Amino acid sequence: MKQCSKRCSDDSTATQGDDGAASTIEHVFGTLKHWMGSTHFLTRGLQHVGTEISLHVLAYNFKRLIKLLGIAEAIRAMRLAGA
């Protein structure tokens, strides 16, 4: 535990955040939280909550794919991946 905290405190990138990865991740979680209504999970139990968040992440990834490729190209890519 002490080694981990020392390593984290010695790591200059952990405090600087120059690469923008944190802001990229924050955007995804902010979007998911907004879609969920910024409240709580609708299901109970770890397995059900895991399924719920997985569905939200899947929907986010599909929307992102469609935005990047367009509907026709996304469908074509999914058909090629399934073949």
N, C-alpha and C. Protein backbone atom coordinates (compact mmCIF):
# COMPACT_ATOMS: atom_id res chain seq x y z
N MET A 1 0.82 -1.19 0.00
CA MET A 1 0.00 0.00 0.00
C MET A 1 0.87 1.25 0.00
N LYS A 2 1.90 1.25 0.83
CA LYS A 2 2.78 2.42 0.88
C LYS A 2 3.51 2.61 -0.44
N GLN A 3 3.90 1.48 -1.07
CA GLN A 3 4.59 1.58 -2.35
C GLN A 3 3.68 2.19 -3.42
N CYS A 4 2.42 1.78 -3.39
CA CYS A 4 1.47 2.30 -4.37
C CYS A 4 1.25 3.80 -4.19
N SER A 5 1.06 4.25 -2.96
CA SER A 5 0.83 5.67 -2.73
C SER A 5 2.08 6.48 -3.05
N LYS A 6 3.27 5.92 -2.76
CA LYS A 6 4.50 6.62 -3.10
C LYS A 6 4.65 6.71 -4.62
N ARG A 7 4.34 5.59 -5.32
CA ARG A 7 4.45 5.58 -6.77
C ARG A 7 3.49 6.59 -7.38
N CYS A 8 2.27 6.66 -6.83
CA CYS A 8 1.29 7.62 -7.37
C CYS A 8 1.71 9.05 -7.09
N SER A 9 2.28 9.30 -5.93
CA SER A 9 2.69 10.67 -5.62
C SER A 9 3.94 11.06 -6.39
N ASP A 10 4.79 10.09 -6.73
CA ASP A 10 5.99 10.38 -7.51
C ASP A 10 5.69 10.53 -8.99
N ASP A 11 4.58 9.99 -9.43
CA ASP A 11 4.23 10.03 -10.84
C ASP A 11 3.78 11.43 -11.22
N SER A 12 4.54 12.08 -12.08
CA SER A 12 4.21 13.47 -12.43
C SER A 12 2.96 13.56 -13.28
N THR A 13 2.64 12.51 -14.08
CA THR A 13 1.46 12.58 -14.93
C THR A 13 0.18 12.42 -14.12
N ALA A 14 0.26 11.83 -12.95
CA ALA A 14 -0.95 11.64 -12.13
C ALA A 14 -1.48 12.97 -11.64
N THR A 15 -0.60 13.93 -11.43
CA THR A 15 -1.05 15.23 -10.93
C THR A 15 -1.25 16.24 -12.05
N GLN A 16 -0.53 16.10 -13.15
CA GLN A 16 -0.61 17.09 -14.20
C GLN A 16 -1.84 16.91 -15.08
N GLY A 17 -2.07 15.71 -15.54
CA GLY A 17 -3.22 15.47 -16.41
C GLY A 17 -3.10 16.15 -17.76
N ASP A 18 -1.91 16.19 -18.32
CA ASP A 18 -1.67 16.89 -19.58
C ASP A 18 -2.24 16.17 -20.79
N ASP A 19 -2.43 14.86 -20.69
CA ASP A 19 -2.79 14.09 -21.86
C ASP A 19 -4.27 14.18 -22.23
N GLY A 20 -5.11 14.69 -21.38
CA GLY A 20 -6.52 14.85 -21.70
C GLY A 20 -7.34 13.60 -21.49
N ALA A 21 -6.73 12.52 -21.02
CA ALA A 21 -7.47 11.27 -20.83
C ALA A 21 -8.55 11.43 -19.76
N ALA A 22 -8.25 12.15 -18.71
CA ALA A 22 -9.24 12.34 -17.64
C ALA A 22 -10.46 13.07 -18.16
N SER A 23 -10.26 14.09 -18.98
CA SER A 23 -11.41 14.83 -19.50
C SER A 23 -12.21 13.98 -20.47
N THR A 24 -11.55 13.08 -21.19
CA THR A 24 -12.26 12.19 -22.10
C THR A 24 -13.12 11.22 -21.32
N ILE A 25 -12.59 10.65 -20.27
CA ILE A 25 -13.33 9.71 -19.44
C ILE A 25 -14.46 10.42 -18.71
N GLU A 26 -14.20 11.60 -18.20
CA GLU A 26 -15.24 12.35 -17.49
C GLU A 26 -16.43 12.62 -18.40
N HIS A 27 -16.19 12.88 -19.66
CA HIS A 27 -17.28 13.14 -20.60
C HIS A 27 -18.18 11.91 -20.74
N VAL A 28 -17.57 10.74 -20.85
CA VAL A 28 -18.34 9.51 -21.01
C VAL A 28 -19.21 9.27 -19.78
N PHE A 29 -18.63 9.38 -18.60
CA PHE A 29 -19.41 9.15 -17.39
C PHE A 29 -20.47 10.22 -17.19
N GLY A 30 -20.17 11.44 -17.57
CA GLY A 30 -21.17 12.50 -17.49
C GLY A 30 -22.35 12.24 -18.41
N THR A 31 -22.05 11.77 -19.62
CA THR A 31 -23.11 11.44 -20.57
C THR A 31 -23.97 10.29 -20.05
N LEU A 32 -23.32 9.23 -19.56
CA LEU A 32 -24.07 8.09 -19.03
C LEU A 32 -24.94 8.52 -17.85
N LYS A 33 -24.39 9.34 -16.98
CA LYS A 33 -25.16 9.80 -15.81
C LYS A 33 -26.36 10.63 -16.26
N HIS A 34 -26.18 11.45 -17.28
CA HIS A 34 -27.28 12.26 -17.79
C HIS A 34 -28.37 11.37 -18.39
N TRP A 35 -27.98 10.35 -19.16
CA TRP A 35 -28.95 9.43 -19.75
C TRP A 35 -29.73 8.69 -18.68
N MET A 36 -29.05 8.37 -17.58
CA MET A 36 -29.70 7.62 -16.51
C MET A 36 -30.60 8.51 -15.66
N GLY A 37 -30.59 9.78 -15.91
CA GLY A 37 -31.42 10.70 -15.15
C GLY A 37 -30.72 11.29 -13.95
N SER A 38 -29.40 11.15 -13.89
CA SER A 38 -28.58 11.71 -12.80
C SER A 38 -29.08 11.29 -11.42
N THR A 39 -29.67 10.12 -11.33
CA THR A 39 -30.15 9.70 -10.02
C THR A 39 -29.52 8.39 -9.61
N HIS A 40 -30.21 7.32 -9.75
CA HIS A 40 -29.75 6.03 -9.25
C HIS A 40 -30.06 4.95 -10.29
N PHE A 41 -29.56 3.77 -10.02
CA PHE A 41 -29.87 2.64 -10.90
C PHE A 41 -31.31 2.20 -10.67
N LEU A 42 -31.92 1.71 -11.72
CA LEU A 42 -33.31 1.28 -11.62
C LEU A 42 -33.46 -0.13 -11.08
N THR A 43 -32.36 -0.88 -11.09
CA THR A 43 -32.40 -2.26 -10.63
C THR A 43 -31.70 -2.39 -9.28
N ARG A 44 -31.87 -3.56 -8.67
CA ARG A 44 -31.21 -3.83 -7.39
C ARG A 44 -30.36 -5.08 -7.54
N GLY A 45 -29.31 -5.14 -6.79
CA GLY A 45 -28.41 -6.28 -6.82
C GLY A 45 -27.26 -6.02 -7.78
N LEU A 46 -26.09 -6.49 -7.40
CA LEU A 46 -24.89 -6.22 -8.18
C LEU A 46 -24.98 -6.75 -9.60
N GLN A 47 -25.51 -7.93 -9.78
CA GLN A 47 -25.60 -8.51 -11.12
C GLN A 47 -26.55 -7.69 -12.01
N HIS A 48 -27.67 -7.28 -11.46
CA HIS A 48 -28.65 -6.50 -12.24
C HIS A 48 -28.12 -5.10 -12.55
N VAL A 49 -27.46 -4.49 -11.58
CA VAL A 49 -26.88 -3.16 -11.81
C VAL A 49 -25.77 -3.24 -12.85
N GLY A 50 -24.98 -4.31 -12.80
CA GLY A 50 -23.95 -4.51 -13.81
C GLY A 50 -24.53 -4.64 -15.20
N THR A 51 -25.64 -5.35 -15.30
CA THR A 51 -26.33 -5.48 -16.59
C THR A 51 -26.86 -4.13 -17.05
N GLU A 52 -27.43 -3.37 -16.14
CA GLU A 52 -27.99 -2.06 -16.49
C GLU A 52 -26.91 -1.12 -17.00
N ILE A 53 -25.78 -1.06 -16.31
CA ILE A 53 -24.72 -0.15 -16.76
C ILE A 53 -24.12 -0.64 -18.07
N SER A 54 -24.06 -1.96 -18.25
CA SER A 54 -23.54 -2.51 -19.51
C SER A 54 -24.43 -2.11 -20.69
N LEU A 55 -25.73 -2.10 -20.48
CA LEU A 55 -26.64 -1.68 -21.55
C LEU A 55 -26.48 -0.20 -21.86
N HIS A 56 -26.27 0.62 -20.83
CA HIS A 56 -26.03 2.04 -21.06
C HIS A 56 -24.73 2.25 -21.85
N VAL A 57 -23.70 1.51 -21.50
CA VAL A 57 -22.41 1.63 -22.20
C VAL A 57 -22.54 1.15 -23.64
N LEU A 58 -23.26 0.06 -23.85
CA LEU A 58 -23.48 -0.44 -25.21
C LEU A 58 -24.22 0.59 -26.06
N ALA A 59 -25.25 1.20 -25.49
CA ALA A 59 -26.00 2.24 -26.22
C ALA A 59 -25.10 3.43 -26.53
N TYR A 60 -24.26 3.83 -25.57
CA TYR A 60 -23.32 4.93 -25.80
C TYR A 60 -22.38 4.60 -26.96
N ASN A 61 -21.84 3.38 -26.95
CA ASN A 61 -20.90 2.97 -28.00
C ASN A 61 -21.57 2.91 -29.37
N PHE A 62 -22.82 2.44 -29.43
CA PHE A 62 -23.54 2.41 -30.70
C PHE A 62 -23.81 3.82 -31.22
N LYS A 63 -24.23 4.71 -30.34
CA LYS A 63 -24.48 6.09 -30.76
C LYS A 63 -23.20 6.74 -31.25
N ARG A 64 -22.11 6.46 -30.59
CA ARG A 64 -20.81 7.00 -30.98
C ARG A 64 -20.38 6.45 -32.34
N LEU A 65 -20.57 5.14 -32.53
CA LEU A 65 -20.23 4.51 -33.80
C LEU A 65 -21.01 5.11 -34.95
N ILE A 66 -22.30 5.30 -34.73
CA ILE A 66 -23.15 5.87 -35.78
C ILE A 66 -22.76 7.31 -36.07
N LYS A 67 -22.41 8.06 -35.05
CA LYS A 67 -22.00 9.45 -35.26
C LYS A 67 -20.69 9.52 -36.04
N LEU A 68 -19.77 8.59 -35.77
CA LEU A 68 -18.48 8.61 -36.45
C LEU A 68 -18.56 8.08 -37.89
N LEU A 69 -19.28 6.99 -38.09
CA LEU A 69 -19.30 6.34 -39.39
C LEU A 69 -20.53 6.66 -40.24
N GLY A 70 -21.61 7.03 -39.61
CA GLY A 70 -22.88 7.18 -40.32
C GLY A 70 -23.64 5.87 -40.23
N ILE A 71 -24.93 5.92 -40.43
CA ILE A 71 -25.77 4.73 -40.24
C ILE A 71 -25.42 3.63 -41.24
N ALA A 72 -25.32 3.98 -42.52
CA ALA A 72 -25.08 2.96 -43.55
C ALA A 72 -23.74 2.26 -43.32
N GLU A 73 -22.70 3.01 -43.06
CA GLU A 73 -21.38 2.42 -42.85
C GLU A 73 -21.33 1.60 -41.56
N ALA A 74 -22.03 2.05 -40.52
CA ALA A 74 -22.07 1.30 -39.26
C ALA A 74 -22.77 -0.04 -39.44
N ILE A 75 -23.87 -0.04 -40.19
CA ILE A 75 -24.58 -1.30 -40.46
C ILE A 75 -23.71 -2.23 -41.29
N ARG A 76 -23.02 -1.68 -42.27
CA ARG A 76 -22.14 -2.49 -43.11
C ARG A 76 -21.01 -3.10 -42.26
N ALA A 77 -20.43 -2.31 -41.37
CA ALA A 77 -19.35 -2.81 -40.52
C ALA A 77 -19.84 -3.90 -39.58
N MET A 78 -21.07 -3.74 -39.05
CA MET A 78 -21.62 -4.77 -38.16
C MET A 78 -21.90 -6.05 -38.91
N ARG A 79 -22.37 -5.93 -40.16
CA ARG A 79 -22.62 -7.14 -40.96
C ARG A 79 -21.32 -7.85 -41.28
N LEU A 80 -20.28 -7.10 -41.59
CA LEU A 80 -18.97 -7.71 -41.87
C LEU A 80 -18.39 -8.37 -40.63
N ALA A 81 -18.60 -7.77 -39.47
CA ALA A 81 -18.07 -8.34 -38.22
C ALA A 81 -18.82 -9.62 -37.85
N GLY A 82 -20.09 -9.71 -38.21
CA GLY A 82 -20.88 -10.89 -37.89
C GLY A 82 -20.68 -12.04 -38.85
N ALA A 83 -20.07 -11.76 -39.99
CA ALA A 83 -19.90 -12.81 -41.01
C ALA A 83 -18.72 -13.70 -40.74
